[in-house]
Amino acid sequence: MPREFPVPSVVRRIGDPPRLRGSQTSETCPDLFELSDGNFAVIGTEATAALDPHLPADAARADYERIVVITRETLIRAKRDIPDV
């Protein structure tokens, strides 16, 4: 069962929009967003089944959590927008 929590709003994109990262359609690309509650949301490729068995021994994932993959370029271009604290 999915975890219930208040739905925050998207405050801003973190990093460059997809079209500046080479997306031809700007419709289905990895993306990062800062939320009104201070957390971050990630749009990426769902890879839980493939990566779950390969997590380090000290890593854990709740049933309602998913492993999502974003491109290296997406995260590197977001670095300048991620707060230090």
N, C-alpha and C. Protein backbone atom coordinates (compact mmCIF):
# COMPACT_ATOMS: atom_id res chain seq x y z
N MET A 1 0.85 -1.18 0.00
CA MET A 1 0.00 0.00 0.00
C MET A 1 0.89 1.24 0.00
N PRO A 2 0.63 2.22 -0.88
CA PRO A 2 1.46 3.42 -0.94
C PRO A 2 1.39 4.21 0.36
N ARG A 3 2.48 4.85 0.67
CA ARG A 3 2.56 5.68 1.86
C ARG A 3 1.69 6.92 1.67
N GLU A 4 0.92 7.25 2.69
CA GLU A 4 0.07 8.44 2.65
C GLU A 4 0.83 9.64 3.22
N PHE A 5 0.81 10.75 2.52
CA PHE A 5 1.43 11.96 3.02
C PHE A 5 0.80 13.16 2.34
N PRO A 6 0.88 14.33 2.97
CA PRO A 6 0.32 15.53 2.34
C PRO A 6 1.05 15.80 1.02
N VAL A 7 0.33 16.24 0.04
CA VAL A 7 0.93 16.48 -1.26
C VAL A 7 1.47 17.90 -1.32
N PRO A 8 2.79 18.05 -1.38
CA PRO A 8 3.38 19.38 -1.50
C PRO A 8 3.29 19.87 -2.94
N SER A 9 3.59 21.12 -3.15
CA SER A 9 3.60 21.64 -4.51
C SER A 9 5.05 21.73 -5.02
N VAL A 10 5.19 21.75 -6.33
CA VAL A 10 6.50 21.91 -6.95
C VAL A 10 6.88 23.38 -6.88
N VAL A 11 8.04 23.66 -6.28
CA VAL A 11 8.51 25.03 -6.13
C VAL A 11 9.33 25.44 -7.34
N ARG A 12 10.25 24.55 -7.76
CA ARG A 12 11.10 24.88 -8.90
C ARG A 12 11.78 23.64 -9.44
N ARG A 13 12.21 23.74 -10.68
CA ARG A 13 13.01 22.69 -11.30
C ARG A 13 14.43 22.84 -10.77
N ILE A 14 15.10 21.72 -10.58
CA ILE A 14 16.50 21.71 -10.18
C ILE A 14 17.30 21.32 -11.42
N GLY A 15 18.11 22.24 -11.92
CA GLY A 15 18.90 21.97 -13.12
C GLY A 15 18.21 22.47 -14.37
N ASP A 16 18.75 22.07 -15.49
CA ASP A 16 18.24 22.52 -16.78
C ASP A 16 17.00 21.75 -17.21
N PRO A 17 16.10 22.42 -17.93
CA PRO A 17 14.94 21.69 -18.47
C PRO A 17 15.38 20.69 -19.54
N PRO A 18 14.57 19.68 -19.80
CA PRO A 18 14.94 18.64 -20.76
C PRO A 18 15.40 19.17 -22.12
N ARG A 19 14.76 20.20 -22.64
CA ARG A 19 15.14 20.67 -23.98
C ARG A 19 16.58 21.19 -24.02
N LEU A 20 17.08 21.73 -22.89
CA LEU A 20 18.46 22.19 -22.84
C LEU A 20 19.44 21.04 -22.65
N ARG A 21 18.92 19.86 -22.33
CA ARG A 21 19.75 18.67 -22.19
C ARG A 21 19.65 17.79 -23.42
N GLY A 22 19.07 18.32 -24.50
CA GLY A 22 19.05 17.60 -25.76
C GLY A 22 17.79 16.85 -26.08
N SER A 23 16.74 16.97 -25.26
CA SER A 23 15.49 16.28 -25.57
C SER A 23 14.85 16.90 -26.81
N GLN A 24 14.47 16.05 -27.72
CA GLN A 24 13.83 16.53 -28.95
C GLN A 24 12.37 16.90 -28.72
N THR A 25 11.72 16.23 -27.75
CA THR A 25 10.30 16.48 -27.52
C THR A 25 10.03 17.20 -26.22
N SER A 26 10.99 17.18 -25.28
CA SER A 26 10.84 17.77 -23.95
C SER A 26 9.66 17.17 -23.18
N GLU A 27 9.22 15.99 -23.55
CA GLU A 27 8.04 15.40 -22.93
C GLU A 27 8.35 14.30 -21.93
N THR A 28 9.30 13.45 -22.22
CA THR A 28 9.55 12.31 -21.34
C THR A 28 11.03 12.19 -21.02
N CYS A 29 11.51 13.05 -20.17
CA CYS A 29 12.92 13.04 -19.80
C CYS A 29 13.07 13.07 -18.29
N PRO A 30 14.21 12.56 -17.79
CA PRO A 30 14.46 12.66 -16.36
C PRO A 30 14.41 14.11 -15.91
N ASP A 31 13.97 14.34 -14.70
CA ASP A 31 13.86 15.70 -14.19
C ASP A 31 13.91 15.67 -12.67
N LEU A 32 14.31 16.78 -12.07
CA LEU A 32 14.38 16.94 -10.62
C LEU A 32 13.64 18.21 -10.23
N PHE A 33 12.90 18.15 -9.10
CA PHE A 33 12.13 19.29 -8.64
C PHE A 33 12.26 19.46 -7.14
N GLU A 34 12.36 20.71 -6.69
CA GLU A 34 12.30 21.00 -5.26
C GLU A 34 10.83 21.19 -4.90
N LEU A 35 10.42 20.64 -3.76
CA LEU A 35 9.04 20.71 -3.33
C LEU A 35 8.86 21.72 -2.20
N SER A 36 7.63 22.14 -2.00
CA SER A 36 7.32 23.15 -0.99
C SER A 36 7.63 22.70 0.43
N ASP A 37 7.74 21.39 0.66
CA ASP A 37 8.07 20.90 2.00
C ASP A 37 9.57 20.70 2.20
N GLY A 38 10.37 21.11 1.20
CA GLY A 38 11.81 21.00 1.29
C GLY A 38 12.38 19.71 0.72
N ASN A 39 11.53 18.77 0.38
CA ASN A 39 11.98 17.52 -0.23
C ASN A 39 12.17 17.70 -1.73
N PHE A 40 12.62 16.65 -2.39
CA PHE A 40 12.84 16.69 -3.83
C PHE A 40 12.07 15.56 -4.50
N ALA A 41 11.58 15.80 -5.69
CA ALA A 41 10.89 14.79 -6.48
C ALA A 41 11.74 14.49 -7.72
N VAL A 42 11.74 13.22 -8.13
CA VAL A 42 12.55 12.78 -9.25
C VAL A 42 11.65 12.10 -10.28
N ILE A 43 11.82 12.48 -11.53
CA ILE A 43 11.20 11.75 -12.64
C ILE A 43 12.34 10.98 -13.29
N GLY A 44 12.19 9.67 -13.36
CA GLY A 44 13.23 8.85 -13.95
C GLY A 44 12.66 7.52 -14.38
N THR A 45 13.54 6.64 -14.79
CA THR A 45 13.14 5.32 -15.25
C THR A 45 13.04 4.39 -14.05
N GLU A 46 11.89 3.77 -13.87
CA GLU A 46 11.67 2.84 -12.76
C GLU A 46 12.56 1.61 -12.96
N ALA A 47 13.39 1.31 -11.96
CA ALA A 47 14.33 0.21 -12.09
C ALA A 47 14.42 -0.63 -10.81
N THR A 48 13.35 -0.65 -10.03
CA THR A 48 13.37 -1.35 -8.75
C THR A 48 13.70 -2.83 -8.90
N ALA A 49 13.01 -3.52 -9.76
CA ALA A 49 13.22 -4.97 -9.90
C ALA A 49 14.65 -5.28 -10.33
N ALA A 50 15.20 -4.48 -11.22
CA ALA A 50 16.54 -4.74 -11.72
C ALA A 50 17.63 -4.42 -10.70
N LEU A 51 17.46 -3.34 -9.93
CA LEU A 51 18.53 -2.88 -9.05
C LEU A 51 18.39 -3.32 -7.60
N ASP A 52 17.20 -3.65 -7.15
CA ASP A 52 16.99 -4.02 -5.75
C ASP A 52 17.93 -5.14 -5.28
N PRO A 53 18.11 -6.20 -6.07
CA PRO A 53 19.00 -7.28 -5.61
C PRO A 53 20.47 -6.86 -5.51
N HIS A 54 20.82 -5.72 -6.10
CA HIS A 54 22.21 -5.28 -6.14
C HIS A 54 22.52 -4.15 -5.16
N LEU A 55 21.54 -3.79 -4.33
CA LEU A 55 21.79 -2.74 -3.34
C LEU A 55 22.82 -3.21 -2.33
N PRO A 56 23.61 -2.28 -1.78
CA PRO A 56 24.58 -2.67 -0.75
C PRO A 56 23.86 -3.26 0.47
N ALA A 57 24.58 -4.03 1.26
CA ALA A 57 24.00 -4.70 2.42
C ALA A 57 23.40 -3.72 3.42
N ASP A 58 23.93 -2.51 3.49
CA ASP A 58 23.42 -1.54 4.47
C ASP A 58 22.34 -0.63 3.89
N ALA A 59 21.83 -0.95 2.70
CA ALA A 59 20.75 -0.18 2.08
C ALA A 59 19.44 -0.95 2.22
N ALA A 60 18.35 -0.21 2.42
CA ALA A 60 17.05 -0.85 2.54
C ALA A 60 16.01 -0.02 1.79
N ARG A 61 14.97 -0.68 1.32
CA ARG A 61 13.90 -0.02 0.58
C ARG A 61 12.58 -0.52 1.14
N ALA A 62 11.72 0.42 1.51
CA ALA A 62 10.38 0.05 1.98
C ALA A 62 9.54 -0.42 0.79
N ASP A 63 8.49 -1.15 1.07
CA ASP A 63 7.61 -1.65 0.00
C ASP A 63 7.03 -0.53 -0.86
N TYR A 64 6.82 0.64 -0.26
CA TYR A 64 6.23 1.75 -1.01
C TYR A 64 7.28 2.60 -1.73
N GLU A 65 8.56 2.28 -1.59
CA GLU A 65 9.62 3.03 -2.25
C GLU A 65 10.05 2.34 -3.54
N ARG A 66 10.50 3.14 -4.48
CA ARG A 66 10.96 2.62 -5.76
C ARG A 66 12.36 3.16 -6.05
N ILE A 67 13.13 2.39 -6.78
CA ILE A 67 14.44 2.85 -7.26
C ILE A 67 14.22 3.45 -8.64
N VAL A 68 14.66 4.68 -8.79
CA VAL A 68 14.47 5.41 -10.04
C VAL A 68 15.84 5.84 -10.56
N VAL A 69 16.06 5.66 -11.84
CA VAL A 69 17.33 6.03 -12.46
C VAL A 69 17.16 7.31 -13.26
N ILE A 70 18.11 8.24 -13.06
CA ILE A 70 18.17 9.43 -13.90
C ILE A 70 19.55 9.44 -14.57
N THR A 71 19.69 10.19 -15.62
CA THR A 71 20.97 10.23 -16.31
C THR A 71 22.00 11.01 -15.50
N ARG A 72 23.25 10.68 -15.71
CA ARG A 72 24.35 11.40 -15.07
C ARG A 72 24.28 12.88 -15.41
N GLU A 73 24.01 13.18 -16.68
CA GLU A 73 23.94 14.58 -17.12
C GLU A 73 22.85 15.35 -16.37
N THR A 74 21.71 14.72 -16.13
CA THR A 74 20.62 15.37 -15.40
C THR A 74 21.09 15.80 -14.02
N LEU A 75 21.74 14.91 -13.30
CA LEU A 75 22.19 15.23 -11.94
C LEU A 75 23.33 16.24 -11.95
N ILE A 76 24.28 16.11 -12.85
CA ILE A 76 25.39 17.05 -12.92
C ILE A 76 24.89 18.46 -13.23
N ARG A 77 23.94 18.58 -14.14
CA ARG A 77 23.41 19.90 -14.47
C ARG A 77 22.55 20.47 -13.35
N ALA A 78 22.07 19.61 -12.45
CA ALA A 78 21.28 20.08 -11.31
C ALA A 78 22.15 20.50 -10.14
N LYS A 79 23.39 20.07 -10.13
CA LYS A 79 24.28 20.29 -8.98
C LYS A 79 24.31 21.75 -8.54
N ARG A 80 24.38 22.67 -9.47
CA ARG A 80 24.48 24.10 -9.11
C ARG A 80 23.22 24.61 -8.40
N ASP A 81 22.09 23.95 -8.58
CA ASP A 81 20.83 24.37 -7.98
C ASP A 81 20.50 23.68 -6.67
N ILE A 82 21.30 22.69 -6.29
CA ILE A 82 21.03 21.94 -5.06
C ILE A 82 21.63 22.71 -3.88
N PRO A 83 20.82 23.06 -2.89
CA PRO A 83 21.33 23.83 -1.76
C PRO A 83 22.36 23.03 -0.95
N ASP A 84 23.29 23.75 -0.32
CA ASP A 84 24.29 23.10 0.53
C ASP A 84 23.69 22.66 1.85
N VAL A 85 22.65 23.33 2.31
CA VAL A 85 22.02 22.98 3.58
C VAL A 85 20.51 22.97 3.42
